[in-house]
N, C-alpha and C. Protein backbone atom coordinates (compact mmCIF):
# COMPACT_ATOMS: atom_id res chain seq x y z
N UNK A 1 177.76 -23.14 39.62
CA UNK A 1 178.68 -22.70 40.66
C UNK A 1 178.08 -21.57 41.49
N UNK A 2 177.52 -20.57 40.80
CA UNK A 2 176.93 -19.43 41.50
C UNK A 2 175.70 -19.88 42.28
N UNK A 3 174.96 -20.84 41.71
CA UNK A 3 173.76 -21.34 42.38
C UNK A 3 174.12 -22.02 43.70
N UNK A 4 175.22 -22.77 43.72
CA UNK A 4 175.63 -23.46 44.94
C UNK A 4 176.08 -22.46 46.00
N UNK A 5 176.79 -21.42 45.58
CA UNK A 5 177.22 -20.38 46.53
C UNK A 5 176.00 -19.68 47.11
N UNK A 6 175.02 -19.39 46.26
CA UNK A 6 173.80 -18.73 46.71
C UNK A 6 173.06 -19.63 47.70
N UNK A 7 172.95 -20.91 47.44
CA UNK A 7 172.29 -21.84 48.35
C UNK A 7 173.04 -21.93 49.68
N UNK A 8 174.36 -21.95 49.61
CA UNK A 8 175.17 -22.02 50.83
C UNK A 8 174.96 -20.77 51.69
N UNK A 9 174.98 -19.61 51.06
CA UNK A 9 174.78 -18.36 51.80
C UNK A 9 173.36 -18.27 52.37
N UNK A 10 172.38 -18.76 51.63
CA UNK A 10 171.01 -18.75 52.14
C UNK A 10 170.86 -19.69 53.33
N UNK A 11 171.57 -20.82 53.31
CA UNK A 11 171.54 -21.74 54.44
C UNK A 11 172.17 -21.10 55.68
N UNK A 12 173.28 -20.39 55.49
CA UNK A 12 173.91 -19.69 56.61
C UNK A 12 172.97 -18.62 57.16
N UNK A 13 172.32 -17.89 56.25
CA UNK A 13 171.38 -16.84 56.66
C UNK A 13 170.22 -17.43 57.46
N UNK A 14 169.69 -18.54 57.05
CA UNK A 14 168.59 -19.19 57.78
C UNK A 14 169.03 -19.65 59.17
N UNK A 15 170.21 -20.23 59.27
CA UNK A 15 170.72 -20.68 60.57
C UNK A 15 170.95 -19.49 61.49
N UNK A 16 171.57 -18.45 60.98
CA UNK A 16 171.81 -17.26 61.79
C UNK A 16 170.50 -16.61 62.22
N UNK A 17 169.51 -16.61 61.35
CA UNK A 17 168.21 -16.05 61.69
C UNK A 17 167.55 -16.83 62.82
N UNK A 18 167.65 -18.15 62.78
CA UNK A 18 167.06 -18.98 63.84
C UNK A 18 167.78 -18.80 65.17
N UNK A 19 169.07 -18.49 65.11
CA UNK A 19 169.84 -18.30 66.34
C UNK A 19 169.61 -16.90 66.91
N UNK A 20 169.61 -15.88 66.06
CA UNK A 20 169.57 -14.51 66.55
C UNK A 20 168.18 -14.00 66.88
N UNK A 21 167.14 -14.57 66.33
CA UNK A 21 165.78 -14.09 66.61
C UNK A 21 165.41 -14.23 68.08
N UNK A 22 165.62 -15.38 68.72
CA UNK A 22 165.31 -15.47 70.16
C UNK A 22 166.18 -14.55 71.01
N UNK A 23 167.44 -14.38 70.61
CA UNK A 23 168.32 -13.47 71.35
C UNK A 23 167.78 -12.04 71.26
N UNK A 24 167.34 -11.65 70.09
CA UNK A 24 166.77 -10.32 69.90
C UNK A 24 165.51 -10.11 70.72
N UNK A 25 164.67 -11.12 70.82
CA UNK A 25 163.44 -11.02 71.61
C UNK A 25 163.78 -10.82 73.08
N UNK A 26 164.72 -11.59 73.60
CA UNK A 26 165.10 -11.49 75.01
C UNK A 26 165.75 -10.14 75.30
N UNK A 27 166.68 -9.72 74.46
CA UNK A 27 167.36 -8.44 74.67
C UNK A 27 166.36 -7.30 74.58
N UNK A 28 165.44 -7.35 73.63
CA UNK A 28 164.43 -6.32 73.48
C UNK A 28 163.55 -6.24 74.73
N UNK A 29 163.13 -7.38 75.24
CA UNK A 29 162.29 -7.42 76.45
C UNK A 29 163.03 -6.82 77.65
N UNK A 30 164.28 -7.21 77.81
CA UNK A 30 165.07 -6.70 78.95
C UNK A 30 165.28 -5.20 78.81
N UNK A 31 165.65 -4.73 77.63
CA UNK A 31 165.90 -3.31 77.41
C UNK A 31 164.65 -2.48 77.66
N UNK A 32 163.51 -2.90 77.10
CA UNK A 32 162.28 -2.15 77.28
C UNK A 32 161.81 -2.17 78.73
N UNK A 33 162.02 -3.28 79.42
CA UNK A 33 161.66 -3.35 80.83
C UNK A 33 162.49 -2.39 81.66
N UNK A 34 163.78 -2.36 81.40
CA UNK A 34 164.67 -1.45 82.15
C UNK A 34 164.28 0.00 81.88
N UNK A 35 164.06 0.35 80.62
CA UNK A 35 163.68 1.72 80.28
C UNK A 35 162.35 2.07 80.95
N UNK A 36 161.40 1.15 80.93
CA UNK A 36 160.09 1.43 81.53
C UNK A 36 160.24 1.68 83.03
N UNK A 37 160.92 0.81 83.73
CA UNK A 37 161.02 0.95 85.17
C UNK A 37 161.87 2.15 85.58
N UNK A 38 162.88 2.49 84.80
CA UNK A 38 163.71 3.63 85.16
C UNK A 38 162.97 4.94 84.85
N UNK A 39 162.47 5.08 83.64
CA UNK A 39 161.85 6.35 83.23
C UNK A 39 160.49 6.53 83.89
N UNK A 40 159.58 5.62 83.65
CA UNK A 40 158.22 5.75 84.18
C UNK A 40 158.24 5.63 85.70
N UNK A 41 159.05 4.75 86.22
CA UNK A 41 159.13 4.59 87.67
C UNK A 41 159.64 5.83 88.37
N UNK A 42 160.66 6.46 87.81
CA UNK A 42 161.20 7.67 88.42
C UNK A 42 160.21 8.82 88.35
N UNK A 43 159.52 8.96 87.22
CA UNK A 43 158.51 10.01 87.10
C UNK A 43 157.39 9.78 88.12
N UNK A 44 156.95 8.56 88.26
CA UNK A 44 155.89 8.25 89.22
C UNK A 44 156.37 8.49 90.65
N UNK A 45 157.60 8.12 90.94
CA UNK A 45 158.14 8.32 92.28
C UNK A 45 158.25 9.81 92.62
N UNK A 46 158.76 10.59 91.67
CA UNK A 46 158.88 12.03 91.89
C UNK A 46 157.50 12.66 92.04
N UNK A 47 156.53 12.20 91.23
CA UNK A 47 155.17 12.74 91.33
C UNK A 47 154.55 12.40 92.69
N UNK A 48 154.82 11.21 93.20
CA UNK A 48 154.29 10.84 94.53
C UNK A 48 154.92 11.70 95.61
N UNK A 49 156.22 11.92 95.51
CA UNK A 49 156.91 12.74 96.51
C UNK A 49 156.38 14.17 96.49
N UNK A 50 156.15 14.71 95.29
CA UNK A 50 155.66 16.07 95.16
C UNK A 50 154.14 16.16 95.35
N UNK A 51 153.49 15.01 95.53
CA UNK A 51 152.03 14.93 95.68
C UNK A 51 151.30 15.53 94.49
N UNK A 52 151.78 15.19 93.30
CA UNK A 52 151.19 15.67 92.06
C UNK A 52 150.15 14.67 91.60
N UNK A 53 148.98 15.17 91.21
CA UNK A 53 147.89 14.33 90.73
C UNK A 53 147.64 14.68 89.27
N UNK A 54 148.28 13.96 88.35
CA UNK A 54 148.20 14.29 86.93
C UNK A 54 146.78 14.12 86.37
N UNK A 55 146.05 13.16 86.88
CA UNK A 55 144.71 12.87 86.34
C UNK A 55 143.59 13.48 87.18
N UNK A 56 143.94 14.25 88.17
CA UNK A 56 142.96 14.87 89.06
C UNK A 56 142.00 13.83 89.63
N UNK A 57 142.57 12.80 90.22
CA UNK A 57 141.78 11.71 90.78
C UNK A 57 141.52 11.86 92.27
N UNK A 58 141.86 12.99 92.84
CA UNK A 58 141.64 13.16 94.27
C UNK A 58 140.14 13.08 94.56
N UNK A 59 139.80 12.48 95.68
CA UNK A 59 138.40 12.21 96.00
C UNK A 59 137.80 13.33 96.85
N UNK A 60 137.85 14.52 96.33
CA UNK A 60 137.24 15.64 97.04
C UNK A 60 135.75 15.67 96.71
N UNK A 61 134.97 16.11 97.67
CA UNK A 61 133.54 16.25 97.43
C UNK A 61 133.30 17.54 96.66
N UNK A 62 132.78 17.43 95.47
CA UNK A 62 132.51 18.59 94.63
C UNK A 62 131.11 18.44 94.04
N UNK A 63 130.54 19.55 93.65
CA UNK A 63 129.25 19.50 92.96
C UNK A 63 129.42 18.97 91.55
N UNK A 64 130.53 19.33 90.93
CA UNK A 64 130.79 18.89 89.57
C UNK A 64 132.29 18.72 89.38
N UNK A 65 132.65 17.85 88.47
CA UNK A 65 134.06 17.64 88.17
C UNK A 65 134.45 18.33 86.86
N UNK A 66 133.58 19.09 86.28
CA UNK A 66 133.88 19.85 85.08
C UNK A 66 134.86 20.95 85.44
N UNK A 67 135.74 21.25 84.51
CA UNK A 67 136.69 22.33 84.72
C UNK A 67 136.36 23.48 83.78
N UNK A 68 136.42 24.69 84.28
CA UNK A 68 136.14 25.85 83.46
C UNK A 68 137.29 26.09 82.49
N UNK A 69 136.91 26.49 81.28
CA UNK A 69 137.89 26.80 80.25
C UNK A 69 137.79 28.28 79.96
N UNK A 70 138.93 28.93 79.99
CA UNK A 70 138.94 30.36 79.70
C UNK A 70 139.14 30.57 78.21
N UNK A 71 138.15 31.18 77.60
CA UNK A 71 138.25 31.50 76.17
C UNK A 71 138.73 32.93 76.03
N UNK A 72 139.71 33.11 75.21
CA UNK A 72 140.15 34.47 74.96
C UNK A 72 139.91 34.79 73.49
N UNK A 73 139.29 35.90 73.28
CA UNK A 73 138.98 36.33 71.92
C UNK A 73 140.26 36.84 71.25
N UNK A 74 140.50 36.37 70.06
CA UNK A 74 141.67 36.81 69.31
C UNK A 74 141.20 37.56 68.08
N UNK A 75 142.08 38.38 67.59
CA UNK A 75 141.73 39.13 66.39
C UNK A 75 141.64 38.19 65.19
N UNK A 76 140.90 38.61 64.19
CA UNK A 76 140.71 37.81 63.00
C UNK A 76 142.03 37.57 62.27
N UNK A 77 142.96 38.52 62.34
CA UNK A 77 144.27 38.37 61.68
C UNK A 77 145.03 37.16 62.22
N UNK A 78 144.85 36.89 63.47
CA UNK A 78 145.56 35.77 64.10
C UNK A 78 145.24 34.44 63.42
N UNK A 79 144.00 34.25 63.03
CA UNK A 79 143.58 32.98 62.43
C UNK A 79 144.04 32.84 60.99
N UNK A 80 144.26 33.95 60.31
CA UNK A 80 144.73 33.89 58.93
C UNK A 80 146.24 33.70 58.84
N UNK A 81 146.94 34.04 59.89
CA UNK A 81 148.40 33.90 59.91
C UNK A 81 148.74 32.53 60.49
N UNK A 82 148.98 31.56 59.64
CA UNK A 82 149.22 30.19 60.09
C UNK A 82 150.68 29.93 60.44
N UNK A 83 151.57 30.61 59.76
CA UNK A 83 153.00 30.32 59.99
C UNK A 83 153.72 31.55 60.41
């Protein structure tokens, strides 16, 4: 008796899995597409309006594209204090 109930429930689970998996794929694709275009698209649009170049890709004539890094000397105590 218990074996038949278990088989019946497993059959229902298999049918529901075959029905809901494609629905989940489509909903996931639509949701991620909307999030991508809203979030990334808005950030890109605002950056274009503000003329922000995040990757420094402007085609200026320069001798070098290296950027100087300012090193500041810290006391030895600073490195021992981790938290």
